[in-house]
Amino acid sequence: MQERDIPAVLAIQEESYAAEVLEDEAVIRSRLAAFPQLAWVAEDALGVCGYLFAYHSRLGKVTPLDGEFCSEGEADCLYLHDLAVAGRAAGRGIGPALVRHNLQQAGTAQLRYSALVSVQDSTGFWSRLGYEAHDDLDPPQAGNLASYQIPAVYMVRDLHQ
């Protein structure tokens, strides 16, 4: 992802998510600046048609909505924060391809887990990619999960199964 992709990312985000979970341009820009090597877009003939933001974290640590990506010194987890695909590109496998690409990077970094917050009834999608609901969160992290203001499920995938 490059700075020039941000308008398209914002448009896809607005098309894909409920108003309660939209994140503003400043948050998106800070995420790209924090972990540019883990921010990816997919393109088709019309331009950017999907994106994924991720960062290195710790198992059980939930990024609150609009929260900053904080690098963990002892990271053991690739946290997938935001994946969206434009409606025009739905059904082409773009989302899973972006996830696979980031998981390959996680393997290179020797991370043991990948985690995310599933919203908008996407648990089936994530389950097909090997993620399972993980309810064992301490109170501060459960509070971070509640910041999404819509039903949200913390999910984890063991990368060494």
N, C-alpha and C. Protein backbone atom coordinates (compact mmCIF):
# COMPACT_ATOMS: atom_id res chain seq x y z
N MET A 1 0.85 -1.18 0.00
CA MET A 1 0.00 0.00 0.00
C MET A 1 0.89 1.24 0.00
N GLN A 2 0.44 2.22 -0.75
CA GLN A 2 1.13 3.51 -0.82
C GLN A 2 0.18 4.62 -0.36
N GLU A 3 0.74 5.76 -0.05
CA GLU A 3 -0.10 6.91 0.35
C GLU A 3 -1.18 7.20 -0.70
N ARG A 4 -0.85 7.07 -1.95
CA ARG A 4 -1.80 7.38 -3.02
C ARG A 4 -3.01 6.43 -3.03
N ASP A 5 -2.91 5.29 -2.34
CA ASP A 5 -3.99 4.31 -2.28
C ASP A 5 -5.04 4.65 -1.23
N ILE A 6 -4.74 5.58 -0.34
CA ILE A 6 -5.63 5.84 0.80
C ILE A 6 -7.03 6.28 0.37
N PRO A 7 -7.22 7.16 -0.61
CA PRO A 7 -8.60 7.48 -1.00
C PRO A 7 -9.41 6.25 -1.42
N ALA A 8 -8.79 5.33 -2.15
CA ALA A 8 -9.49 4.11 -2.56
C ALA A 8 -9.77 3.22 -1.35
N VAL A 9 -8.82 3.14 -0.43
CA VAL A 9 -9.01 2.35 0.80
C VAL A 9 -10.20 2.90 1.59
N LEU A 10 -10.26 4.21 1.73
CA LEU A 10 -11.38 4.83 2.45
C LEU A 10 -12.71 4.56 1.76
N ALA A 11 -12.73 4.59 0.45
CA ALA A 11 -13.96 4.32 -0.29
C ALA A 11 -14.40 2.86 -0.10
N ILE A 12 -13.46 1.93 -0.13
CA ILE A 12 -13.79 0.52 0.06
C ILE A 12 -14.26 0.30 1.49
N GLN A 13 -13.60 0.93 2.45
CA GLN A 13 -14.01 0.81 3.85
C GLN A 13 -15.46 1.28 4.02
N GLU A 14 -15.78 2.43 3.43
CA GLU A 14 -17.13 2.98 3.57
C GLU A 14 -18.18 2.07 2.93
N GLU A 15 -17.81 1.45 1.82
CA GLU A 15 -18.71 0.53 1.13
C GLU A 15 -18.91 -0.76 1.93
N SER A 16 -17.89 -1.16 2.69
CA SER A 16 -17.86 -2.48 3.31
C SER A 16 -18.37 -2.55 4.74
N TYR A 17 -18.25 -1.46 5.48
CA TYR A 17 -18.49 -1.52 6.92
C TYR A 17 -19.66 -0.65 7.37
N ALA A 18 -20.26 -1.06 8.48
CA ALA A 18 -21.30 -0.25 9.13
C ALA A 18 -20.68 1.04 9.63
N ALA A 19 -21.49 2.08 9.71
CA ALA A 19 -21.01 3.40 10.14
C ALA A 19 -20.32 3.35 11.50
N GLU A 20 -20.77 2.47 12.39
CA GLU A 20 -20.20 2.40 13.75
C GLU A 20 -18.74 1.99 13.76
N VAL A 21 -18.27 1.32 12.73
CA VAL A 21 -16.89 0.83 12.74
C VAL A 21 -15.99 1.47 11.69
N LEU A 22 -16.47 2.52 11.04
CA LEU A 22 -15.61 3.23 10.08
C LEU A 22 -14.50 3.96 10.83
N GLU A 23 -13.31 3.92 10.29
CA GLU A 23 -12.18 4.62 10.89
C GLU A 23 -11.77 5.76 9.96
N ASP A 24 -11.39 6.89 10.56
CA ASP A 24 -11.15 8.07 9.73
C ASP A 24 -9.78 8.04 9.06
N GLU A 25 -9.59 8.98 8.15
CA GLU A 25 -8.38 9.01 7.34
C GLU A 25 -7.11 9.11 8.17
N ALA A 26 -7.14 9.89 9.25
CA ALA A 26 -5.94 10.03 10.09
C ALA A 26 -5.54 8.69 10.69
N VAL A 27 -6.51 7.89 11.11
CA VAL A 27 -6.23 6.56 11.67
C VAL A 27 -5.63 5.67 10.59
N ILE A 28 -6.22 5.67 9.41
CA ILE A 28 -5.72 4.85 8.30
C ILE A 28 -4.28 5.25 7.95
N ARG A 29 -4.03 6.54 7.87
CA ARG A 29 -2.67 7.01 7.56
C ARG A 29 -1.67 6.59 8.63
N SER A 30 -2.06 6.65 9.90
CA SER A 30 -1.14 6.27 10.98
C SER A 30 -0.84 4.78 10.93
N ARG A 31 -1.81 3.98 10.52
CA ARG A 31 -1.60 2.54 10.41
C ARG A 31 -0.61 2.22 9.30
N LEU A 32 -0.77 2.90 8.17
CA LEU A 32 0.17 2.69 7.07
C LEU A 32 1.57 3.12 7.49
N ALA A 33 1.68 4.23 8.19
CA ALA A 33 2.99 4.72 8.63
C ALA A 33 3.64 3.78 9.65
N ALA A 34 2.83 3.18 10.51
CA ALA A 34 3.37 2.33 11.58
C ALA A 34 3.92 1.01 11.05
N PHE A 35 3.22 0.38 10.10
CA PHE A 35 3.63 -0.94 9.59
C PHE A 35 3.43 -1.00 8.08
N PRO A 36 4.17 -0.20 7.32
CA PRO A 36 3.96 -0.19 5.87
C PRO A 36 4.22 -1.55 5.21
N GLN A 37 5.11 -2.35 5.78
CA GLN A 37 5.43 -3.65 5.20
C GLN A 37 4.31 -4.66 5.38
N LEU A 38 3.30 -4.34 6.20
CA LEU A 38 2.18 -5.24 6.45
C LEU A 38 0.85 -4.65 5.99
N ALA A 39 0.90 -3.61 5.19
CA ALA A 39 -0.30 -2.99 4.63
C ALA A 39 -0.29 -3.26 3.12
N TRP A 40 -1.32 -3.94 2.65
CA TRP A 40 -1.35 -4.39 1.26
C TRP A 40 -2.64 -4.01 0.57
N VAL A 41 -2.54 -3.79 -0.72
CA VAL A 41 -3.73 -3.59 -1.55
C VAL A 41 -3.71 -4.61 -2.68
N ALA A 42 -4.89 -4.89 -3.19
CA ALA A 42 -5.04 -5.67 -4.42
C ALA A 42 -5.62 -4.73 -5.46
N GLU A 43 -5.21 -4.90 -6.70
CA GLU A 43 -5.68 -4.03 -7.77
C GLU A 43 -6.25 -4.87 -8.91
N ASP A 44 -7.24 -4.27 -9.56
CA ASP A 44 -7.75 -4.84 -10.80
C ASP A 44 -7.67 -3.74 -11.87
N ALA A 45 -8.32 -3.92 -12.99
CA ALA A 45 -8.22 -2.95 -14.09
C ALA A 45 -8.73 -1.56 -13.69
N LEU A 46 -9.59 -1.49 -12.69
CA LEU A 46 -10.15 -0.20 -12.24
C LEU A 46 -9.38 0.42 -11.08
N GLY A 47 -8.35 -0.26 -10.60
CA GLY A 47 -7.55 0.27 -9.49
C GLY A 47 -7.66 -0.59 -8.24
N VAL A 48 -7.44 0.03 -7.10
CA VAL A 48 -7.47 -0.70 -5.82
C VAL A 48 -8.86 -1.30 -5.61
N CYS A 49 -8.87 -2.60 -5.31
CA CYS A 49 -10.15 -3.29 -5.11
C CYS A 49 -10.21 -4.06 -3.79
N GLY A 50 -9.14 -4.00 -3.02
CA GLY A 50 -9.12 -4.65 -1.72
C GLY A 50 -7.90 -4.21 -0.94
N TYR A 51 -7.97 -4.37 0.38
CA TYR A 51 -6.83 -3.98 1.21
C TYR A 51 -6.81 -4.78 2.49
N LEU A 52 -5.64 -4.81 3.14
CA LEU A 52 -5.45 -5.46 4.43
C LEU A 52 -4.40 -4.71 5.23
N PHE A 53 -4.74 -4.36 6.47
CA PHE A 53 -3.79 -3.81 7.43
C PHE A 53 -3.49 -4.86 8.47
N ALA A 54 -2.21 -5.01 8.83
CA ALA A 54 -1.82 -5.96 9.87
C ALA A 54 -0.63 -5.39 10.63
N TYR A 55 -0.33 -5.99 11.77
CA TYR A 55 0.86 -5.62 12.52
C TYR A 55 1.23 -6.73 13.48
N HIS A 56 2.44 -6.67 14.03
CA HIS A 56 2.93 -7.66 14.98
C HIS A 56 2.43 -7.29 16.36
N SER A 57 1.90 -8.29 17.07
CA SER A 57 1.27 -8.06 18.37
C SER A 57 1.54 -9.26 19.28
N ARG A 58 0.72 -9.37 20.32
CA ARG A 58 0.77 -10.50 21.24
C ARG A 58 -0.58 -11.19 21.26
N LEU A 59 -0.58 -12.49 21.40
CA LEU A 59 -1.82 -13.25 21.52
C LEU A 59 -2.63 -12.70 22.69
N GLY A 60 -3.92 -12.46 22.47
CA GLY A 60 -4.80 -11.96 23.52
C GLY A 60 -4.88 -10.46 23.61
N LYS A 61 -4.11 -9.75 22.80
CA LYS A 61 -4.14 -8.28 22.80
C LYS A 61 -5.04 -7.82 21.67
N VAL A 62 -6.11 -7.10 22.02
CA VAL A 62 -7.11 -6.65 21.05
C VAL A 62 -6.92 -5.16 20.79
N THR A 63 -6.80 -4.80 19.53
CA THR A 63 -6.73 -3.39 19.17
C THR A 63 -8.14 -2.81 19.23
N PRO A 64 -8.35 -1.76 20.03
CA PRO A 64 -9.68 -1.15 20.05
C PRO A 64 -9.96 -0.42 18.74
N LEU A 65 -11.23 -0.20 18.47
CA LEU A 65 -11.60 0.58 17.30
C LEU A 65 -10.91 1.93 17.38
N ASP A 66 -10.33 2.38 16.29
CA ASP A 66 -9.57 3.63 16.21
C ASP A 66 -8.28 3.62 17.02
N GLY A 67 -7.89 2.46 17.57
CA GLY A 67 -6.68 2.38 18.39
C GLY A 67 -5.42 2.39 17.54
N GLU A 68 -4.35 2.83 18.16
CA GLU A 68 -3.05 2.85 17.49
C GLU A 68 -2.47 1.44 17.41
N PHE A 69 -1.73 1.17 16.37
CA PHE A 69 -0.97 -0.07 16.27
C PHE A 69 0.29 0.12 17.09
N CYS A 70 0.46 -0.68 18.12
CA CYS A 70 1.63 -0.57 18.98
C CYS A 70 2.51 -1.80 18.78
N SER A 71 3.74 -1.58 18.42
CA SER A 71 4.67 -2.67 18.20
C SER A 71 4.98 -3.35 19.53
N GLU A 72 4.95 -4.66 19.51
CA GLU A 72 5.26 -5.45 20.69
C GLU A 72 6.69 -5.96 20.57
N GLY A 73 7.51 -5.70 21.60
CA GLY A 73 8.89 -6.16 21.58
C GLY A 73 9.00 -7.66 21.47
N GLU A 74 8.10 -8.38 22.12
CA GLU A 74 8.10 -9.84 22.11
C GLU A 74 6.89 -10.35 21.34
N ALA A 75 6.70 -9.87 20.13
CA ALA A 75 5.54 -10.24 19.33
C ALA A 75 5.53 -11.74 19.06
N ASP A 76 4.33 -12.33 19.19
CA ASP A 76 4.15 -13.74 18.84
C ASP A 76 2.96 -13.92 17.89
N CYS A 77 2.39 -12.80 17.44
CA CYS A 77 1.12 -12.86 16.73
C CYS A 77 1.06 -11.83 15.60
N LEU A 78 0.55 -12.27 14.46
CA LEU A 78 0.24 -11.34 13.37
C LEU A 78 -1.22 -10.95 13.54
N TYR A 79 -1.46 -9.70 13.85
CA TYR A 79 -2.81 -9.20 14.07
C TYR A 79 -3.33 -8.61 12.77
N LEU A 80 -4.41 -9.18 12.24
CA LEU A 80 -5.04 -8.67 11.02
C LEU A 80 -6.12 -7.71 11.47
N HIS A 81 -5.91 -6.43 11.26
CA HIS A 81 -6.87 -5.47 11.79
C HIS A 81 -8.01 -5.16 10.83
N ASP A 82 -7.75 -5.05 9.57
CA ASP A 82 -8.80 -4.58 8.67
C ASP A 82 -8.59 -5.18 7.28
N LEU A 83 -9.57 -5.97 6.85
CA LEU A 83 -9.58 -6.56 5.51
C LEU A 83 -10.90 -6.18 4.87
N ALA A 84 -10.84 -5.63 3.67
CA ALA A 84 -12.07 -5.32 2.94
C ALA A 84 -11.80 -5.43 1.44
N VAL A 85 -12.85 -5.85 0.73
CA VAL A 85 -12.78 -5.99 -0.73
C VAL A 85 -13.97 -5.25 -1.32
N ALA A 86 -13.72 -4.47 -2.36
CA ALA A 86 -14.80 -3.73 -3.04
C ALA A 86 -15.83 -4.71 -3.57
N GLY A 87 -17.09 -4.28 -3.56
CA GLY A 87 -18.16 -5.11 -4.06
C GLY A 87 -17.93 -5.59 -5.49
N ARG A 88 -17.33 -4.75 -6.31
CA ARG A 88 -17.10 -5.13 -7.72
C ARG A 88 -16.14 -6.30 -7.85
N ALA A 89 -15.35 -6.55 -6.79
CA ALA A 89 -14.35 -7.61 -6.84
C ALA A 89 -14.72 -8.82 -5.97
N ALA A 90 -15.91 -8.80 -5.41
CA ALA A 90 -16.34 -9.89 -4.53
C ALA A 90 -16.35 -11.22 -5.27
N GLY A 91 -16.01 -12.27 -4.55
CA GLY A 91 -16.07 -13.62 -5.11
C GLY A 91 -14.87 -14.04 -5.93
N ARG A 92 -13.85 -13.20 -5.98
CA ARG A 92 -12.66 -13.54 -6.77
C ARG A 92 -11.51 -14.09 -5.93
N GLY A 93 -11.72 -14.26 -4.63
CA GLY A 93 -10.66 -14.78 -3.76
C GLY A 93 -9.63 -13.77 -3.34
N ILE A 94 -9.94 -12.50 -3.50
CA ILE A 94 -8.97 -11.45 -3.17
C ILE A 94 -8.70 -11.38 -1.67
N GLY A 95 -9.75 -11.43 -0.85
CA GLY A 95 -9.56 -11.39 0.60
C GLY A 95 -8.67 -12.52 1.09
N PRO A 96 -9.01 -13.77 0.77
CA PRO A 96 -8.13 -14.87 1.20
C PRO A 96 -6.70 -14.75 0.67
N ALA A 97 -6.54 -14.24 -0.54
CA ALA A 97 -5.18 -14.08 -1.09
C ALA A 97 -4.38 -13.06 -0.29
N LEU A 98 -5.01 -11.95 0.11
CA LEU A 98 -4.32 -10.96 0.93
C LEU A 98 -3.94 -11.56 2.28
N VAL A 99 -4.84 -12.34 2.86
CA VAL A 99 -4.54 -12.99 4.15
C VAL A 99 -3.38 -13.96 3.99
N ARG A 100 -3.42 -14.81 2.97
CA ARG A 100 -2.33 -15.78 2.76
C ARG A 100 -0.98 -15.06 2.62
N HIS A 101 -0.98 -13.96 1.89
CA HIS A 101 0.26 -13.21 1.71
C HIS A 101 0.81 -12.75 3.06
N ASN A 102 -0.06 -12.18 3.91
CA ASN A 102 0.41 -11.72 5.21
C ASN A 102 0.82 -12.88 6.11
N LEU A 103 0.14 -14.01 6.00
CA LEU A 103 0.52 -15.17 6.82
C LEU A 103 1.88 -15.71 6.40
N GLN A 104 2.22 -15.61 5.13
CA GLN A 104 3.57 -16.00 4.70
C GLN A 104 4.61 -15.12 5.37
N GLN A 105 4.30 -13.83 5.47
CA GLN A 105 5.22 -12.92 6.16
C GLN A 105 5.33 -13.29 7.64
N ALA A 106 4.23 -13.71 8.24
CA ALA A 106 4.25 -14.10 9.65
C ALA A 106 5.18 -15.28 9.85
N GLY A 107 5.15 -16.23 8.92
CA GLY A 107 6.04 -17.37 9.00
C GLY A 107 7.49 -16.96 8.92
N THR A 108 7.79 -16.01 8.06
CA THR A 108 9.15 -15.50 7.93
C THR A 108 9.60 -14.84 9.24
N ALA A 109 8.67 -14.16 9.91
CA ALA A 109 8.98 -13.48 11.17
C ALA A 109 8.92 -14.43 12.36
N GLN A 110 8.62 -15.71 12.10
CA GLN A 110 8.53 -16.75 13.13
C GLN A 110 7.48 -16.44 14.19
N LEU A 111 6.35 -15.87 13.77
CA LEU A 111 5.24 -15.63 14.68
C LEU A 111 4.44 -16.92 14.83
N ARG A 112 3.91 -17.13 16.01
CA ARG A 112 3.23 -18.39 16.29
C ARG A 112 1.73 -18.34 16.00
N TYR A 113 1.14 -17.16 16.10
CA TYR A 113 -0.30 -17.02 15.95
C TYR A 113 -0.66 -15.90 14.98
N SER A 114 -1.89 -15.93 14.55
CA SER A 114 -2.51 -14.80 13.88
C SER A 114 -3.84 -14.59 14.58
N ALA A 115 -4.25 -13.33 14.74
CA ALA A 115 -5.50 -13.02 15.43
C ALA A 115 -6.18 -11.85 14.74
N LEU A 116 -7.46 -11.67 15.06
CA LEU A 116 -8.25 -10.60 14.46
C LEU A 116 -9.54 -10.43 15.23
N VAL A 117 -10.25 -9.36 14.92
CA VAL A 117 -11.60 -9.16 15.43
C VAL A 117 -12.54 -9.30 14.24
N SER A 118 -13.45 -10.25 14.33
CA SER A 118 -14.45 -10.48 13.29
C SER A 118 -15.69 -9.65 13.60
N VAL A 119 -16.14 -8.89 12.60
CA VAL A 119 -17.37 -8.09 12.74
C VAL A 119 -18.29 -8.40 11.57
N GLN A 120 -19.52 -7.96 11.69
CA GLN A 120 -20.50 -8.06 10.61
C GLN A 120 -20.70 -9.51 10.13
N ASP A 121 -20.82 -10.42 11.09
CA ASP A 121 -21.10 -11.83 10.78
C ASP A 121 -20.08 -12.47 9.84
N SER A 122 -18.82 -12.11 10.01
CA SER A 122 -17.77 -12.66 9.14
C SER A 122 -17.05 -13.86 9.75
N THR A 123 -17.55 -14.40 10.87
CA THR A 123 -16.86 -15.52 11.51
C THR A 123 -16.77 -16.75 10.58
N GLY A 124 -17.78 -16.97 9.75
CA GLY A 124 -17.73 -18.10 8.81
C GLY A 124 -16.58 -17.96 7.83
N PHE A 125 -16.39 -16.75 7.29
CA PHE A 125 -15.28 -16.48 6.38
C PHE A 125 -13.95 -16.79 7.08
N TRP A 126 -13.78 -16.26 8.29
CA TRP A 126 -12.53 -16.44 9.01
C TRP A 126 -12.33 -17.89 9.42
N SER A 127 -13.40 -18.60 9.77
CA SER A 127 -13.29 -20.02 10.12
C SER A 127 -12.77 -20.83 8.94
N ARG A 128 -13.22 -20.50 7.74
CA ARG A 128 -12.73 -21.20 6.56
C ARG A 128 -11.24 -20.96 6.33
N LEU A 129 -10.70 -19.90 6.89
CA LEU A 129 -9.27 -19.61 6.78
C LEU A 129 -8.48 -20.13 7.99
N GLY A 130 -9.15 -20.91 8.86
CA GLY A 130 -8.46 -21.56 9.97
C GLY A 130 -8.52 -20.84 11.31
N TYR A 131 -9.31 -19.78 11.42
CA TYR A 131 -9.42 -19.03 12.67
C TYR A 131 -10.56 -19.59 13.51
N GLU A 132 -10.38 -19.53 14.84
CA GLU A 132 -11.39 -19.98 15.79
C GLU A 132 -11.63 -18.90 16.83
N ALA A 133 -12.88 -18.84 17.32
CA ALA A 133 -13.21 -17.88 18.38
C ALA A 133 -12.34 -18.15 19.59
N HIS A 134 -11.89 -17.08 20.22
CA HIS A 134 -11.00 -17.16 21.38
C HIS A 134 -11.60 -16.24 22.45
N ASP A 135 -12.21 -16.86 23.46
CA ASP A 135 -12.94 -16.08 24.47
C ASP A 135 -12.12 -15.74 25.70
N ASP A 136 -10.91 -16.24 25.80
CA ASP A 136 -10.09 -16.07 26.99
C ASP A 136 -9.34 -14.73 26.94
N LEU A 137 -10.09 -13.65 27.18
CA LEU A 137 -9.49 -12.30 27.18
C LEU A 137 -9.55 -11.72 28.58
N ASP A 138 -8.48 -11.02 28.98
CA ASP A 138 -8.54 -10.37 30.29
C ASP A 138 -9.45 -9.14 30.18
N PRO A 139 -9.91 -8.59 31.32
CA PRO A 139 -10.90 -7.50 31.28
C PRO A 139 -10.51 -6.30 30.41
N PRO A 140 -9.27 -5.80 30.45
CA PRO A 140 -8.97 -4.67 29.56
C PRO A 140 -9.12 -5.01 28.08
N GLN A 141 -8.73 -6.22 27.70
CA GLN A 141 -8.84 -6.62 26.29
C GLN A 141 -10.30 -6.85 25.90
N ALA A 142 -11.10 -7.38 26.83
CA ALA A 142 -12.54 -7.53 26.58
C ALA A 142 -13.17 -6.16 26.38
N GLY A 143 -12.68 -5.16 27.12
CA GLY A 143 -13.15 -3.78 26.93
C GLY A 143 -12.78 -3.25 25.57
N ASN A 144 -11.58 -3.58 25.10
CA ASN A 144 -11.17 -3.17 23.76
C ASN A 144 -12.08 -3.80 22.71
N LEU A 145 -12.45 -5.06 22.91
CA LEU A 145 -13.34 -5.74 21.99
C LEU A 145 -14.72 -5.05 21.97
N ALA A 146 -15.17 -4.63 23.14
CA ALA A 146 -16.47 -3.96 23.24
C ALA A 146 -16.47 -2.59 22.57
N SER A 147 -15.29 -2.02 22.32
CA SER A 147 -15.21 -0.69 21.69
C SER A 147 -15.79 -0.70 20.27
N TYR A 148 -15.97 -1.88 19.68
CA TYR A 148 -16.49 -1.95 18.31
C TYR A 148 -17.98 -1.61 18.23
N GLN A 149 -18.69 -1.61 19.34
CA GLN A 149 -20.08 -1.17 19.44
C GLN A 149 -21.05 -1.99 18.59
N ILE A 150 -20.59 -3.01 17.92
CA ILE A 150 -21.44 -3.96 17.20
C ILE A 150 -20.91 -5.34 17.60
N PRO A 151 -21.66 -6.40 17.36
CA PRO A 151 -21.14 -7.73 17.71
C PRO A 151 -19.76 -7.97 17.09
N ALA A 152 -18.82 -8.37 17.94
CA ALA A 152 -17.44 -8.59 17.51
C ALA A 152 -16.90 -9.82 18.22
N VAL A 153 -16.12 -10.61 17.50
CA VAL A 153 -15.57 -11.86 18.03
C VAL A 153 -14.06 -11.84 17.81
N TYR A 154 -13.29 -12.05 18.89
CA TYR A 154 -11.85 -12.19 18.78
C TYR A 154 -11.56 -13.62 18.31
N MET A 155 -10.78 -13.74 17.23
CA MET A 155 -10.49 -15.05 16.64
C MET A 155 -8.98 -15.23 16.50
N VAL A 156 -8.55 -16.49 16.62
CA VAL A 156 -7.12 -16.82 16.60
C VAL A 156 -6.88 -18.03 15.69
N ARG A 157 -5.74 -18.01 15.05
CA ARG A 157 -5.27 -19.15 14.26
C ARG A 157 -3.86 -19.50 14.73
N ASP A 158 -3.65 -20.75 15.08
CA ASP A 158 -2.32 -21.24 15.43
C ASP A 158 -1.59 -21.48 14.11
N LEU A 159 -0.45 -20.84 13.93
CA LEU A 159 0.27 -20.94 12.67
C LEU A 159 1.20 -22.16 12.62
N HIS A 160 1.28 -22.91 13.71
CA HIS A 160 2.15 -24.08 13.76
C HIS A 160 1.38 -25.36 14.00
N GLN A 161 0.22 -25.49 13.38
CA GLN A 161 -0.58 -26.71 13.53
C GLN A 161 -0.10 -27.76 12.58
